[in-house]
PDB file of all heavy atoms in Angstrom:
ATOM      1  N   SER A   1       0.434-108.728 152.358  1.00  0.00           N
ATOM      2  CA  SER A   1      -0.828-108.182 152.858  1.00  0.00           C
ATOM      3  C   SER A   1      -1.827-107.900 151.741  1.00  0.00           C
ATOM      4  O   SER A   1      -3.014-107.732 151.992  1.00  0.00           O
ATOM      5  CB  SER A   1      -0.573-106.887 153.642  1.00  0.00           C
ATOM      6  OG  SER A   1       0.006-105.912 152.796  1.00  0.00           O
ATOM      7  N   ARG A   2      -1.368-107.858 150.481  1.00  0.00           N
ATOM      8  CA  ARG A   2      -2.283-107.621 149.368  1.00  0.00           C
ATOM      9  C   ARG A   2      -3.037-108.881 148.965  1.00  0.00           C
ATOM     10  O   ARG A   2      -3.986-108.819 148.184  1.00  0.00           O
ATOM     11  CB  ARG A   2      -1.499-107.088 148.165  1.00  0.00           C
ATOM     12  CG  ARG A   2      -0.906-105.695 148.398  1.00  0.00           C
ATOM     13  CD  ARG A   2      -0.162-105.235 147.164  1.00  0.00           C
ATOM     14  NE  ARG A   2       0.397-103.898 147.366  1.00  0.00           N
ATOM     15  CZ  ARG A   2      -0.259-102.767 147.138  1.00  0.00           C
ATOM     16  NH1 ARG A   2      -1.499-102.822 146.707  1.00  0.00           N
ATOM     17  NH2 ARG A   2       0.305-101.595 147.350  1.00  0.00           N
ATOM     18  N   ASN A   3      -2.583-110.025 149.466  1.00  0.00           N
ATOM     19  CA  ASN A   3      -3.248-111.288 149.139  1.00  0.00           C
ATOM     20  C   ASN A   3      -4.426-111.489 150.079  1.00  0.00           C
ATOM     21  O   ASN A   3      -4.263-111.553 151.294  1.00  0.00           O
ATOM     22  CB  ASN A   3      -2.255-112.448 149.275  1.00  0.00           C
ATOM     23  CG  ASN A   3      -2.802-113.736 148.681  1.00  0.00           C
ATOM     24  OD1 ASN A   3      -4.015-113.951 148.674  1.00  0.00           O
ATOM     25  ND2 ASN A   3      -1.909-114.584 148.193  1.00  0.00           N
ATOM     26  N   ASN A   4      -5.632-111.569 149.531  1.00  0.00           N
ATOM     27  CA  ASN A   4      -6.830-111.665 150.367  1.00  0.00           C
ATOM     28  C   ASN A   4      -7.076-113.059 150.924  1.00  0.00           C
ATOM     29  O   ASN A   4      -7.927-113.246 151.776  1.00  0.00           O
ATOM     30  CB  ASN A   4      -8.065-111.228 149.568  1.00  0.00           C
ATOM     31  CG  ASN A   4      -8.066-109.737 149.301  1.00  0.00           C
ATOM     32  OD1 ASN A   4      -7.489-108.978 150.073  1.00  0.00           O
ATOM     33  ND2 ASN A   4      -8.681-109.328 148.218  1.00  0.00           N
ATOM     34  N   GLU A   5      -6.377-114.065 150.398  1.00  0.00           N
ATOM     35  CA  GLU A   5      -6.635-115.439 150.798  1.00  0.00           C
ATOM     36  C   GLU A   5      -5.836-115.809 152.047  1.00  0.00           C
ATOM     37  O   GLU A   5      -4.609-115.697 152.072  1.00  0.00           O
ATOM     38  CB  GLU A   5      -6.288-116.404 149.656  1.00  0.00           C
ATOM     39  CG  GLU A   5      -7.150-116.236 148.418  1.00  0.00           C
ATOM     40  CD  GLU A   5      -8.616-116.527 148.689  1.00  0.00           C
ATOM     41  OE1 GLU A   5      -8.896-117.428 149.497  1.00  0.00           O
ATOM     42  OE2 GLU A   5      -9.474-115.857 148.094  1.00  0.00           O
ATOM     43  N   ASP A   6      -6.529-116.277 153.085  1.00  0.00           N
ATOM     44  CA  ASP A   6      -5.872-116.779 154.284  1.00  0.00           C
ATOM     45  C   ASP A   6      -5.598-118.269 154.125  1.00  0.00           C
ATOM     46  O   ASP A   6      -6.293-118.980 153.400  1.00  0.00           O
ATOM     47  CB  ASP A   6      -6.751-116.568 155.518  1.00  0.00           C
ATOM     48  CG  ASP A   6      -6.889-115.106 155.892  1.00  0.00           C
ATOM     49  OD1 ASP A   6      -5.882-114.385 155.820  1.00  0.00           O
ATOM     50  OD2 ASP A   6      -8.003-114.691 156.259  1.00  0.00           O
ATOM     51  N   ASP A   7      -4.586-118.762 154.816  1.00  0.00           N
ATOM     52  CA  ASP A   7      -4.329-120.197 154.908  1.00  0.00           C
ATOM     53  C   ASP A   7      -5.005-120.731 156.168  1.00  0.00           C
ATOM     54  O   ASP A   7      -5.125-120.016 157.178  1.00  0.00           O
ATOM     55  CB  ASP A   7      -2.826-120.476 154.959  1.00  0.00           C
ATOM     56  CG  ASP A   7      -2.150-120.230 153.623  1.00  0.00           C
ATOM     57  OD1 ASP A   7      -2.784-120.532 152.594  1.00  0.00           O
ATOM     58  OD2 ASP A   7      -1.008-119.742 153.603  1.00  0.00           O
ATOM     59  N   ILE A   8      -5.417-121.983 156.111  1.00  0.00           N
ATOM     60  CA  ILE A   8      -6.074-122.629 157.249  1.00  0.00           C
ATOM     61  C   ILE A   8      -5.292-123.867 157.641  1.00  0.00           C
ATOM     62  O   ILE A   8      -5.068-124.768 156.821  1.00  0.00           O
ATOM     63  CB  ILE A   8      -7.530-123.024 156.915  1.00  0.00           C
ATOM     64  CG1 ILE A   8      -8.336-121.819 156.431  1.00  0.00           C
ATOM     65  CG2 ILE A   8      -8.188-123.660 158.151  1.00  0.00           C
ATOM     66  CD1 ILE A   8      -8.551-120.757 157.478  1.00  0.00           C
ATOM     67  N   ALA A   9      -4.862-123.931 158.886  1.00  0.00           N
ATOM     68  CA  ALA A   9      -4.232-125.128 159.444  1.00  0.00           C
ATOM     69  C   ALA A   9      -5.207-125.776 160.417  1.00  0.00           C
ATOM     70  O   ALA A   9      -5.889-125.080 161.176  1.00  0.00           O
ATOM     71  CB  ALA A   9      -2.935-124.768 160.157  1.00  0.00           C
ATOM     72  N   GLU A  10      -5.268-127.100 160.388  1.00  0.00           N
ATOM     73  CA  GLU A  10      -6.242-127.832 161.198  1.00  0.00           C
ATOM     74  C   GLU A  10      -5.522-128.946 161.950  1.00  0.00           C
ATOM     75  O   GLU A  10      -4.682-129.651 161.385  1.00  0.00           O
ATOM     76  CB  GLU A  10      -7.321-128.408 160.277  1.00  0.00           C
ATOM     77  CG  GLU A  10      -8.535-128.962 160.984  1.00  0.00           C
ATOM     78  CD  GLU A  10      -9.630-129.344 159.996  1.00  0.00           C
ATOM     79  OE1 GLU A  10      -9.319-129.947 158.956  1.00  0.00           O
ATOM     80  OE2 GLU A  10     -10.796-129.021 160.264  1.00  0.00           O
ATOM     81  N   ARG A  11      -5.871-129.120 163.222  1.00  0.00           N
ATOM     82  CA  ARG A  11      -5.221-130.158 164.037  1.00  0.00           C
ATOM     83  C   ARG A  11      -6.263-130.916 164.847  1.00  0.00           C
ATOM     84  O   ARG A  11      -7.090-130.316 165.527  1.00  0.00           O
ATOM     85  CB  ARG A  11      -4.185-129.533 164.973  1.00  0.00           C
ATOM     86  CG  ARG A  11      -3.299-130.562 165.683  1.00  0.00           C
ATOM     87  CD  ARG A  11      -2.124-129.872 166.343  1.00  0.00           C
ATOM     88  NE  ARG A  11      -1.149-130.826 166.853  1.00  0.00           N
ATOM     89  CZ  ARG A  11       0.059-130.511 167.300  1.00  0.00           C
ATOM     90  NH1 ARG A  11       0.442-129.241 167.315  1.00  0.00           N
ATOM     91  NH2 ARG A  11       0.894-131.440 167.738  1.00  0.00           N
ATOM     92  N   PHE A  12      -6.189-132.241 164.770  1.00  0.00           N
ATOM     93  CA  PHE A  12      -7.062-133.129 165.533  1.00  0.00           C
ATOM     94  C   PHE A  12      -6.204-133.915 166.523  1.00  0.00           C
ATOM     95  O   PHE A  12      -5.162-134.468 166.147  1.00  0.00           O
ATOM     96  CB  PHE A  12      -7.758-134.138 164.613  1.00  0.00           C
ATOM     97  CG  PHE A  12      -8.727-133.545 163.633  1.00  0.00           C
ATOM     98  CD1 PHE A  12      -8.279-132.977 162.445  1.00  0.00           C
ATOM     99  CD2 PHE A  12     -10.093-133.577 163.875  1.00  0.00           C
ATOM    100  CE1 PHE A  12      -9.173-132.441 161.532  1.00  0.00           C
ATOM    101  CE2 PHE A  12     -10.990-133.044 162.966  1.00  0.00           C
ATOM    102  CZ  PHE A  12     -10.530-132.474 161.797  1.00  0.00           C
ATOM    103  N   ARG A  13      -6.648-133.997 167.762  1.00  0.00           N
ATOM    104  CA  ARG A  13      -6.015-134.870 168.766  1.00  0.00           C
ATOM    105  C   ARG A  13      -7.150-135.664 169.394  1.00  0.00           C
ATOM    106  O   ARG A  13      -7.878-135.168 170.262  1.00  0.00           O
ATOM    107  CB  ARG A  13      -5.249-134.044 169.794  1.00  0.00           C
ATOM    108  CG  ARG A  13      -4.190-133.139 169.163  1.00  0.00           C
ATOM    109  CD  ARG A  13      -3.452-132.281 170.184  1.00  0.00           C
ATOM    110  NE  ARG A  13      -2.440-133.038 170.907  1.00  0.00           N
ATOM    111  CZ  ARG A  13      -2.447-133.267 172.201  1.00  0.00           C
ATOM    112  NH1 ARG A  13      -3.456-132.822 172.958  1.00  0.00           N
ATOM    113  NH2 ARG A  13      -1.479-133.950 172.785  1.00  0.00           N
ATOM    114  N   ILE A  14      -7.295-136.920 168.956  1.00  0.00           N
ATOM    115  CA  ILE A  14      -8.528-137.660 169.216  1.00  0.00           C
ATOM    116  C   ILE A  14      -8.225-139.130 169.503  1.00  0.00           C
ATOM    117  O   ILE A  14      -7.351-139.739 168.871  1.00  0.00           O
ATOM    118  CB  ILE A  14      -9.478-137.544 168.005  1.00  0.00           C
ATOM    119  CG1 ILE A  14      -9.936-136.094 167.857  1.00  0.00           C
ATOM    120  CG2 ILE A  14     -10.670-138.467 168.114  1.00  0.00           C
ATOM    121  CD1 ILE A  14     -10.902-135.839 166.718  1.00  0.00           C
ATOM    122  N   VAL A  15      -8.987-139.721 170.440  1.00  0.00           N
ATOM    123  CA  VAL A  15      -8.877-141.155 170.692  1.00  0.00           C
ATOM    124  C   VAL A  15      -9.596-141.912 169.571  1.00  0.00           C
ATOM    125  O   VAL A  15     -10.613-141.449 169.041  1.00  0.00           O
ATOM    126  CB  VAL A  15      -9.478-141.550 172.058  1.00  0.00           C
ATOM    127  CG1 VAL A  15      -8.670-140.957 173.198  1.00  0.00           C
ATOM    128  CG2 VAL A  15     -10.939-141.134 172.170  1.00  0.00           C
ATOM    129  N   GLU A  16      -9.062-143.054 169.214  1.00  0.00           N
ATOM    130  CA  GLU A  16      -9.695-143.905 168.219  1.00  0.00           C
ATOM    131  C   GLU A  16      -9.339-145.357 168.515  1.00  0.00           C
ATOM    132  O   GLU A  16      -8.402-145.648 169.278  1.00  0.00           O
ATOM    133  CB  GLU A  16      -9.254-143.540 166.801  1.00  0.00           C
ATOM    134  CG  GLU A  16      -7.797-143.825 166.514  1.00  0.00           C
ATOM    135  CD  GLU A  16      -7.432-143.626 165.054  1.00  0.00           C
ATOM    136  OE1 GLU A  16      -8.307-143.303 164.239  1.00  0.00           O
ATOM    137  OE2 GLU A  16      -6.233-143.806 164.733  1.00  0.00           O
ATOM    138  N   LEU A  17     -10.105-146.272 167.938  1.00  0.00           N
ATOM    139  CA  LEU A  17      -9.800-147.690 168.046  1.00  0.00           C
ATOM    140  C   LEU A  17      -8.814-148.053 166.942  1.00  0.00           C
ATOM    141  O   LEU A  17      -9.061-147.782 165.768  1.00  0.00           O
ATOM    142  CB  LEU A  17     -11.070-148.534 167.896  1.00  0.00           C
ATOM    143  CG  LEU A  17     -12.057-148.495 169.061  1.00  0.00           C
ATOM    144  CD1 LEU A  17     -13.290-149.324 168.730  1.00  0.00           C
ATOM    145  CD2 LEU A  17     -11.410-149.005 170.339  1.00  0.00           C
ATOM    146  N   ARG A  18      -7.699-148.648 167.323  1.00  0.00           N
ATOM    147  CA  ARG A  18      -6.700-149.055 166.319  1.00  0.00           C
ATOM    148  C   ARG A  18      -6.016-150.330 166.795  1.00  0.00           C
ATOM    149  O   ARG A  18      -5.397-150.356 167.868  1.00  0.00           O
ATOM    150  CB  ARG A  18      -5.684-147.940 166.084  1.00  0.00           C
ATOM    151  CG  ARG A  18      -4.674-148.256 164.990  1.00  0.00           C
ATOM    152  CD  ARG A  18      -3.947-147.003 164.548  1.00  0.00           C
ATOM    153  NE  ARG A  18      -4.824-146.100 163.812  1.00  0.00           N
ATOM    154  CZ  ARG A  18      -5.049-146.181 162.506  1.00  0.00           C
ATOM    155  NH1 ARG A  18      -4.469-147.135 161.776  1.00  0.00           N
ATOM    156  NH2 ARG A  18      -5.848-145.312 161.912  1.00  0.00           N
ATOM    157  N   LEU A  19      -6.141-151.364 165.982  1.00  0.00           N
ATOM    158  CA  LEU A  19      -5.498-152.633 166.303  1.00  0.00           C
ATOM    159  C   LEU A  19      -3.989-152.493 166.195  1.00  0.00           C
ATOM    160  O   LEU A  19      -3.471-151.699 165.408  1.00  0.00           O
ATOM    161  CB  LEU A  19      -6.000-153.729 165.360  1.00  0.00           C
ATOM    162  CG  LEU A  19      -7.517-153.991 165.389  1.00  0.00           C
ATOM    163  CD1 LEU A  19      -7.877-155.106 164.415  1.00  0.00           C
ATOM    164  CD2 LEU A  19      -7.986-154.345 166.795  1.00  0.00           C
ATOM    165  N   SER A  20      -3.273-153.280 166.968  1.00  0.00           N
ATOM    166  CA  SER A  20      -1.814-153.208 166.992  1.00  0.00           C
ATOM    167  C   SER A  20      -1.235-153.450 165.591  1.00  0.00           C
ATOM    168  O   SER A  20      -1.577-154.424 164.917  1.00  0.00           O
ATOM    169  CB  SER A  20      -1.260-154.251 167.965  1.00  0.00           C
ATOM    170  OG  SER A  20       0.149-154.236 167.976  1.00  0.00           O
ATOM    171  N   GLY A  21      -0.369-152.544 165.148  1.00  0.00           N
ATOM    172  CA  GLY A  21       0.289-152.686 163.856  1.00  0.00           C
ATOM    173  C   GLY A  21      -0.508-152.221 162.671  1.00  0.00           C
ATOM    174  O   GLY A  21      -0.007-152.238 161.532  1.00  0.00           O
ATOM    175  N   ASP A  22      -1.748-151.783 162.872  1.00  0.00           N
ATOM    176  CA  ASP A  22      -2.586-151.334 161.760  1.00  0.00           C
ATOM    177  C   ASP A  22      -2.118-149.957 161.291  1.00  0.00           C
ATOM    178  O   ASP A  22      -2.139-148.986 162.044  1.00  0.00           O
ATOM    179  CB  ASP A  22      -4.047-151.282 162.214  1.00  0.00           C
ATOM    180  CG  ASP A  22      -5.007-151.032 161.055  1.00  0.00           C
ATOM    181  OD1 ASP A  22      -4.542-150.668 159.962  1.00  0.00           O
ATOM    182  OD2 ASP A  22      -6.224-151.205 161.245  1.00  0.00           O
ATOM    183  N   GLN A  23      -1.708-149.870 160.013  1.00  0.00           N
ATOM    184  CA  GLN A  23      -1.215-148.618 159.438  1.00  0.00           C
ATOM    185  C   GLN A  23      -2.201-147.998 158.452  1.00  0.00           C
ATOM    186  O   GLN A  23      -1.855-147.058 157.730  1.00  0.00           O
ATOM    187  CB  GLN A  23       0.117-148.880 158.724  1.00  0.00           C
ATOM    188  CG  GLN A  23       1.215-149.401 159.632  1.00  0.00           C
ATOM    189  CD  GLN A  23       1.599-148.391 160.698  1.00  0.00           C
ATOM    190  OE1 GLN A  23       1.949-147.260 160.387  1.00  0.00           O
ATOM    191  NE2 GLN A  23       1.545-148.795 161.956  1.00  0.00           N
ATOM    192  N   GLN A  24      -3.424-148.509 158.427  1.00  0.00           N
ATOM    193  CA  GLN A  24      -4.414-148.006 157.480  1.00  0.00           C
ATOM    194  C   GLN A  24      -4.940-146.630 157.894  1.00  0.00           C
ATOM    195  O   GLN A  24      -5.078-146.333 159.074  1.00  0.00           O
ATOM    196  CB  GLN A  24      -5.592-148.985 157.378  1.00  0.00           C
ATOM    197  CG  GLN A  24      -5.220-150.364 156.853  1.00  0.00           C
ATOM    198  CD  GLN A  24      -4.742-150.313 155.424  1.00  0.00           C
ATOM    199  OE1 GLN A  24      -5.365-149.679 154.568  1.00  0.00           O
ATOM    200  NE2 GLN A  24      -3.624-150.972 155.142  1.00  0.00           N
ATOM    201  N   ALA A  25      -5.251-145.817 156.884  1.00  0.00           N
ATOM    202  CA  ALA A  25      -5.967-144.535 157.046  1.00  0.00           C
ATOM    203  C   ALA A  25      -5.229-143.522 157.918  1.00  0.00           C
ATOM    204  O   ALA A  25      -5.848-142.610 158.466  1.00  0.00           O
ATOM    205  CB  ALA A  25      -7.362-144.777 157.616  1.00  0.00           C
ATOM    206  N   LEU A  26      -3.917-143.633 158.020  1.00  0.00           N
ATOM    207  CA  LEU A  26      -3.174-142.675 158.837  1.00  0.00           C
ATOM    208  C   LEU A  26      -3.035-141.315 158.159  1.00  0.00           C
ATOM    209  O   LEU A  26      -2.632-140.339 158.802  1.00  0.00           O
ATOM    210  CB  LEU A  26      -1.790-143.235 159.180  1.00  0.00           C
ATOM    211  CG  LEU A  26      -1.794-144.430 160.140  1.00  0.00           C
ATOM    212  CD1 LEU A  26      -0.379-144.942 160.365  1.00  0.00           C
ATOM    213  CD2 LEU A  26      -2.442-144.059 161.478  1.00  0.00           C
ATOM    214  N   ASN A  27      -3.354-141.239 156.866  1.00  0.00           N
ATOM    215  CA  ASN A  27      -3.359-139.948 156.181  1.00  0.00           C
ATOM    216  C   ASN A  27      -4.747-139.314 156.166  1.00  0.00           C
ATOM    217  O   ASN A  27      -4.969-138.322 155.475  1.00  0.00           O
ATOM    218  CB  ASN A  27      -2.859-140.109 154.741  1.00  0.00           C
ATOM    219  CG  ASN A  27      -1.392-140.484 154.694  1.00  0.00           C
ATOM    220  OD1 ASN A  27      -0.609-140.072 155.545  1.00  0.00           O
ATOM    221  ND2 ASN A  27      -1.007-141.275 153.701  1.00  0.00           N
ATOM    222  N   LEU A  28      -5.666-139.902 156.918  1.00  0.00           N
ATOM    223  CA  LEU A  28      -7.021-139.375 157.034  1.00  0.00           C
ATOM    224  C   LEU A  28      -7.273-138.894 158.455  1.00  0.00           C
ATOM    225  O   LEU A  28      -6.659-139.374 159.417  1.00  0.00           O
ATOM    226  CB  LEU A  28      -8.050-140.454 156.672  1.00  0.00           C
ATOM    227  CG  LEU A  28      -7.948-141.051 155.265  1.00  0.00           C
ATOM    228  CD1 LEU A  28      -8.982-142.163 155.092  1.00  0.00           C
ATOM    229  CD2 LEU A  28      -8.135-139.981 154.201  1.00  0.00           C
ATOM    230  N   ARG A  29      -8.206-137.975 158.594  1.00  0.00           N
ATOM    231  CA  ARG A  29      -8.563-137.488 159.939  1.00  0.00           C
ATOM    232  C   ARG A  29      -9.046-138.644 160.813  1.00  0.00           C
ATOM    233  O   ARG A  29      -9.736-139.546 160.324  1.00  0.00           O
ATOM    234  CB  ARG A  29      -9.691-136.461 159.827  1.00  0.00           C
ATOM    235  CG  ARG A  29      -9.355-135.196 159.057  1.00  0.00           C
ATOM    236  CD  ARG A  29     -10.636-134.487 158.689  1.00  0.00           C
ATOM    237  NE  ARG A  29     -10.441-133.152 158.150  1.00  0.00           N
ATOM    238  CZ  ARG A  29     -11.379-132.452 157.544  1.00  0.00           C
ATOM    239  NH1 ARG A  29     -12.590-132.971 157.388  1.00  0.00           N
ATOM    240  NH2 ARG A  29     -11.133-131.249 157.086  1.00  0.00           N
ATOM    241  N   PRO A  30      -8.762-138.595 162.118  1.00  0.00           N
ATOM    242  CA  PRO A  30      -9.190-139.675 163.029  1.00  0.00           C
ATOM    243  C   PRO A  30     -10.635-139.512 163.495  1.00  0.00           C
ATOM    244  O   PRO A  30     -10.956-139.691 164.675  1.00  0.00           O
ATOM    245  CB  PRO A  30      -8.211-139.542 164.195  1.00  0.00           C
ATOM    246  CG  PRO A  30      -7.894-138.078 164.230  1.00  0.00           C
ATOM    247  CD  PRO A  30      -7.899-137.614 162.793  1.00  0.00           C
ATOM    248  N   VAL A  31     -11.519-139.168 162.560  1.00  0.00           N
ATOM    249  CA  VAL A  31     -12.921-138.926 162.896  1.00  0.00           C
ATOM    250  C   VAL A  31     -13.820-139.573 161.851  1.00  0.00           C
ATOM    251  O   VAL A  31     -13.426-139.770 160.697  1.00  0.00           O
ATOM    252  CB  VAL A  31     -13.245-137.412 162.971  1.00  0.00           C
ATOM    253  CG1 VAL A  31     -12.650-136.785 164.214  1.00  0.00           C
ATOM    254  CG2 VAL A  31     -12.759-136.692 161.713  1.00  0.00           C
ATOM    255  N   ALA A  32     -15.048-139.884 162.272  1.00  0.00           N
ATOM    256  CA  ALA A  32     -16.081-140.351 161.358  1.00  0.00           C
ATOM    257  C   ALA A  32     -16.966-139.170 160.970  1.00  0.00           C
ATOM    258  O   ALA A  32     -16.892-138.089 161.575  1.00  0.00           O
ATOM    259  CB  ALA A  32     -16.921-141.438 162.022  1.00  0.00           C
ATOM    260  N   GLU A  33     -17.798-139.361 159.950  1.00  0.00           N
ATOM    261  CA  GLU A  33     -18.766-138.321 159.603  1.00  0.00           C
ATOM    262  C   GLU A  33     -19.752-138.170 160.755  1.00  0.00           C
ATOM    263  O   GLU A  33     -20.373-139.141 161.178  1.00  0.00           O
ATOM    264  CB  GLU A  33     -19.498-138.690 158.321  1.00  0.00           C
ATOM    265  CG  GLU A  33     -20.445-137.609 157.830  1.00  0.00           C
ATOM    266  CD  GLU A  33     -21.088-137.940 156.504  1.00  0.00           C
ATOM    267  OE1 GLU A  33     -20.654-138.917 155.855  1.00  0.00           O
ATOM    268  OE2 GLU A  33     -22.032-137.229 156.105  1.00  0.00           O
ATOM    269  N   GLY A  34     -19.867-136.974 161.275  1.00  0.00           N
ATOM    270  CA  GLY A  34     -20.667-136.762 162.478  1.00  0.00           C
ATOM    271  C   GLY A  34     -21.912-135.936 162.243  1.00  0.00           C
ATOM    272  O   GLY A  34     -22.109-135.343 161.192  1.00  0.00           O
ATOM    273  N   ASP A  35     -22.760-135.919 163.254  1.00  0.00           N
ATOM    274  CA  ASP A  35     -23.993-135.133 163.230  1.00  0.00           C
ATOM    275  C   ASP A  35     -24.262-134.700 164.663  1.00  0.00           C
ATOM    276  O   ASP A  35     -24.383-135.547 165.566  1.00  0.00           O
ATOM    277  CB  ASP A  35     -25.157-135.981 162.707  1.00  0.00           C
ATOM    278  CG  ASP A  35     -26.413-135.154 162.455  1.00  0.00           C
ATOM    279  OD1 ASP A  35     -26.608-134.138 163.148  1.00  0.00           O
ATOM    280  OD2 ASP A  35     -27.216-135.540 161.589  1.00  0.00           O
ATOM    281  N   ILE A  36     -24.351-133.389 164.895  1.00  0.00           N
ATOM    282  CA  ILE A  36     -24.531-132.918 166.268  1.00  0.00           C
ATOM    283  C   ILE A  36     -25.861-133.351 166.866  1.00  0.00           C
ATOM    284  O   ILE A  36     -26.049-133.266 168.084  1.00  0.00           O
ATOM    285  CB  ILE A  36     -24.376-131.386 166.375  1.00  0.00           C
ATOM    286  CG1 ILE A  36     -25.403-130.670 165.496  1.00  0.00           C
ATOM    287  CG2 ILE A  36     -22.979-130.956 166.014  1.00  0.00           C
ATOM    288  CD1 ILE A  36     -25.442-129.181 165.734  1.00  0.00           C
ATOM    289  N   ARG A  37     -26.790-133.855 166.036  1.00  0.00           N
ATOM    290  CA  ARG A  37     -28.048-134.367 166.580  1.00  0.00           C
ATOM    291  C   ARG A  37     -27.831-135.612 167.434  1.00  0.00           C
ATOM    292  O   ARG A  37     -28.703-135.998 168.209  1.00  0.00           O
ATOM    293  CB  ARG A  37     -29.028-134.645 165.443  1.00  0.00           C
ATOM    294  CG  ARG A  37     -29.684-133.385 164.892  1.00  0.00           C
ATOM    295  CD  ARG A  37     -30.462-133.636 163.636  1.00  0.00           C
ATOM    296  NE  ARG A  37     -29.574-133.803 162.498  1.00  0.00           N
ATOM    297  CZ  ARG A  37     -29.886-133.476 161.252  1.00  0.00           C
ATOM    298  NH1 ARG A  37     -31.068-132.955 160.986  1.00  0.00           N
ATOM    299  NH2 ARG A  37     -29.029-133.651 160.270  1.00  0.00           N
ATOM    300  N   THR A  38     -26.649-136.240 167.310  1.00  0.00           N
ATOM    301  CA  THR A  38     -26.331-137.388 168.167  1.00  0.00           C
ATOM    302  C   THR A  38     -26.331-136.986 169.632  1.00  0.00           C
ATOM    303  O   THR A  38     -26.584-137.824 170.511  1.00  0.00           O
ATOM    304  CB  THR A  38     -24.955-137.969 167.782  1.00  0.00           C
ATOM    305  OG1 THR A  38     -24.893-138.163 166.377  1.00  0.00           O
ATOM    306  CG2 THR A  38     -24.708-139.297 168.480  1.00  0.00           C
ATOM    307  N   TRP A  39     -26.056-135.717 169.906  1.00  0.00           N
ATOM    308  CA  TRP A  39     -26.072-135.255 171.304  1.00  0.00           C
ATOM    309  C   TRP A  39     -27.479-135.285 171.896  1.00  0.00           C
ATOM    310  O   TRP A  39     -27.625-135.185 173.118  1.00  0.00           O
ATOM    311  CB  TRP A  39     -25.528-133.826 171.395  1.00  0.00           C
ATOM    312  CG  TRP A  39     -24.057-133.715 171.199  1.00  0.00           C
ATOM    313  CD1 TRP A  39     -23.404-133.320 170.066  1.00  0.00           C
ATOM    314  CD2 TRP A  39     -23.033-134.002 172.157  1.00  0.00           C
ATOM    315  NE1 TRP A  39     -22.042-133.333 170.261  1.00  0.00           N
ATOM    316  CE2 TRP A  39     -21.787-133.740 171.540  1.00  0.00           C
ATOM    317  CE3 TRP A  39     -23.037-134.431 173.486  1.00  0.00           C
ATOM    318  CZ2 TRP A  39     -20.563-133.915 172.199  1.00  0.00           C
ATOM    319  CZ3 TRP A  39     -21.833-134.607 174.146  1.00  0.00           C
ATOM    320  CH2 TRP A  39     -20.617-134.348 173.504  1.00  0.00           C
ATOM    321  N   ASN A  40     -28.494-135.427 171.074  1.00  0.00           N
ATOM    322  CA  ASN A  40     -29.877-135.395 171.567  1.00  0.00           C
ATOM    323  C   ASN A  40     -30.477-136.773 171.787  1.00  0.00           C
ATOM    324  O   ASN A  40     -31.685-136.898 171.945  1.00  0.00           O
ATOM    325  CB  ASN A  40     -30.763-134.623 170.578  1.00  0.00           C
ATOM    326  CG  ASN A  40     -30.478-133.136 170.608  1.00  0.00           C
ATOM    327  OD1 ASN A  40     -30.094-132.583 171.637  1.00  0.00           O
ATOM    328  ND2 ASN A  40     -30.639-132.480 169.474  1.00  0.00           N
ATOM    329  N   VAL A  41     -29.637-137.840 171.775  1.00  0.00           N
ATOM    330  CA  VAL A  41     -30.163-139.184 171.983  1.00  0.00           C
ATOM    331  C   VAL A  41     -30.851-139.252 173.352  1.00  0.00           C
ATOM    332  O   VAL A  41     -30.292-138.867 174.374  1.00  0.00           O
ATOM    333  CB  VAL A  41     -29.034-140.235 171.873  1.00  0.00           C
ATOM    334  CG1 VAL A  41     -27.934-139.996 172.892  1.00  0.00           C
ATOM    335  CG2 VAL A  41     -29.599-141.633 172.035  1.00  0.00           C
ATOM    336  N   ASN A  42     -32.092-139.699 173.367  1.00  0.00           N
ATOM    337  CA  ASN A  42     -32.880-139.702 174.603  1.00  0.00           C
ATOM    338  C   ASN A  42     -32.885-141.048 175.324  1.00  0.00           C
ATOM    339  O   ASN A  42     -33.181-141.125 176.506  1.00  0.00           O
ATOM    340  CB  ASN A  42     -34.327-139.296 174.300  1.00  0.00           C
ATOM    341  CG  ASN A  42     -34.444-137.831 173.920  1.00  0.00           C
ATOM    342  OD1 ASN A  42     -33.819-136.983 174.539  1.00  0.00           O
ATOM    343  ND2 ASN A  42     -35.210-137.537 172.881  1.00  0.00           N
ATOM    344  N   ASP A  43     -32.592-142.112 174.602  1.00  0.00           N
ATOM    345  CA  ASP A  43     -32.601-143.444 175.207  1.00  0.00           C
ATOM    346  C   ASP A  43     -31.238-144.096 175.027  1.00  0.00           C
ATOM    347  O   ASP A  43     -30.583-143.936 173.986  1.00  0.00           O
ATOM    348  CB  ASP A  43     -33.673-144.327 174.558  1.00  0.00           C
ATOM    349  CG  ASP A  43     -35.076-143.769 174.765  1.00  0.00           C
ATOM    350  OD1 ASP A  43     -35.397-143.419 175.922  1.00  0.00           O
ATOM    351  OD2 ASP A  43     -35.826-143.664 173.778  1.00  0.00           O
ATOM    352  N   THR A  44     -30.818-144.846 176.024  1.00  0.00           N
ATOM    353  CA  THR A  44     -29.555-145.568 175.933  1.00  0.00           C
ATOM    354  C   THR A  44     -29.632-146.590 174.805  1.00  0.00           C
ATOM    355  O   THR A  44     -30.567-147.391 174.731  1.00  0.00           O
ATOM    356  CB  THR A  44     -29.241-146.275 177.267  1.00  0.00           C
ATOM    357  OG1 THR A  44     -29.199-145.298 178.307  1.00  0.00           O
ATOM    358  CG2 THR A  44     -27.908-146.987 177.189  1.00  0.00           C
ATOM    359  N   LEU A  45     -28.655-146.556 173.912  1.00  0.00           N
ATOM    360  CA  LEU A  45     -28.627-147.482 172.784  1.00  0.00           C
ATOM    361  C   LEU A  45     -28.134-148.853 173.232  1.00  0.00           C
ATOM    362  O   LEU A  45     -27.436-148.993 174.237  1.00  0.00           O
ATOM    363  CB  LEU A  45     -27.711-146.938 171.682  1.00  0.00           C
ATOM    364  CG  LEU A  45     -28.053-145.547 171.138  1.00  0.00           C
ATOM    365  CD1 LEU A  45     -26.992-145.101 170.144  1.00  0.00           C
ATOM    366  CD2 LEU A  45     -29.429-145.553 170.488  1.00  0.00           C
ATOM    367  N   ASP A  46     -28.515-149.885 172.472  1.00  0.00           N
ATOM    368  CA  ASP A  46     -28.021-151.218 172.757  1.00  0.00           C
ATOM    369  C   ASP A  46     -26.516-151.265 172.558  1.00  0.00           C
ATOM    370  O   ASP A  46     -25.981-150.726 171.586  1.00  0.00           O
ATOM    371  CB  ASP A  46     -28.685-152.251 171.840  1.00  0.00           C
ATOM    372  CG  ASP A  46     -30.174-152.390 172.132  1.00  0.00           C
ATOM    373  OD1 ASP A  46     -30.558-152.139 173.294  1.00  0.00           O
ATOM    374  OD2 ASP A  46     -30.933-152.745 171.215  1.00  0.00           O
TER     375      ASP A  46
END
């Protein structure tokens, strides 16, 4: 209790595109760099 530093555990459960047998980037989070401004898209993208 004298240690002021907390530990942080993080868990992602996310759908992603992955070709069969592809073992790349499995030690990385299953997310891309995001921006919440994407939620404000006003027109349907191509």
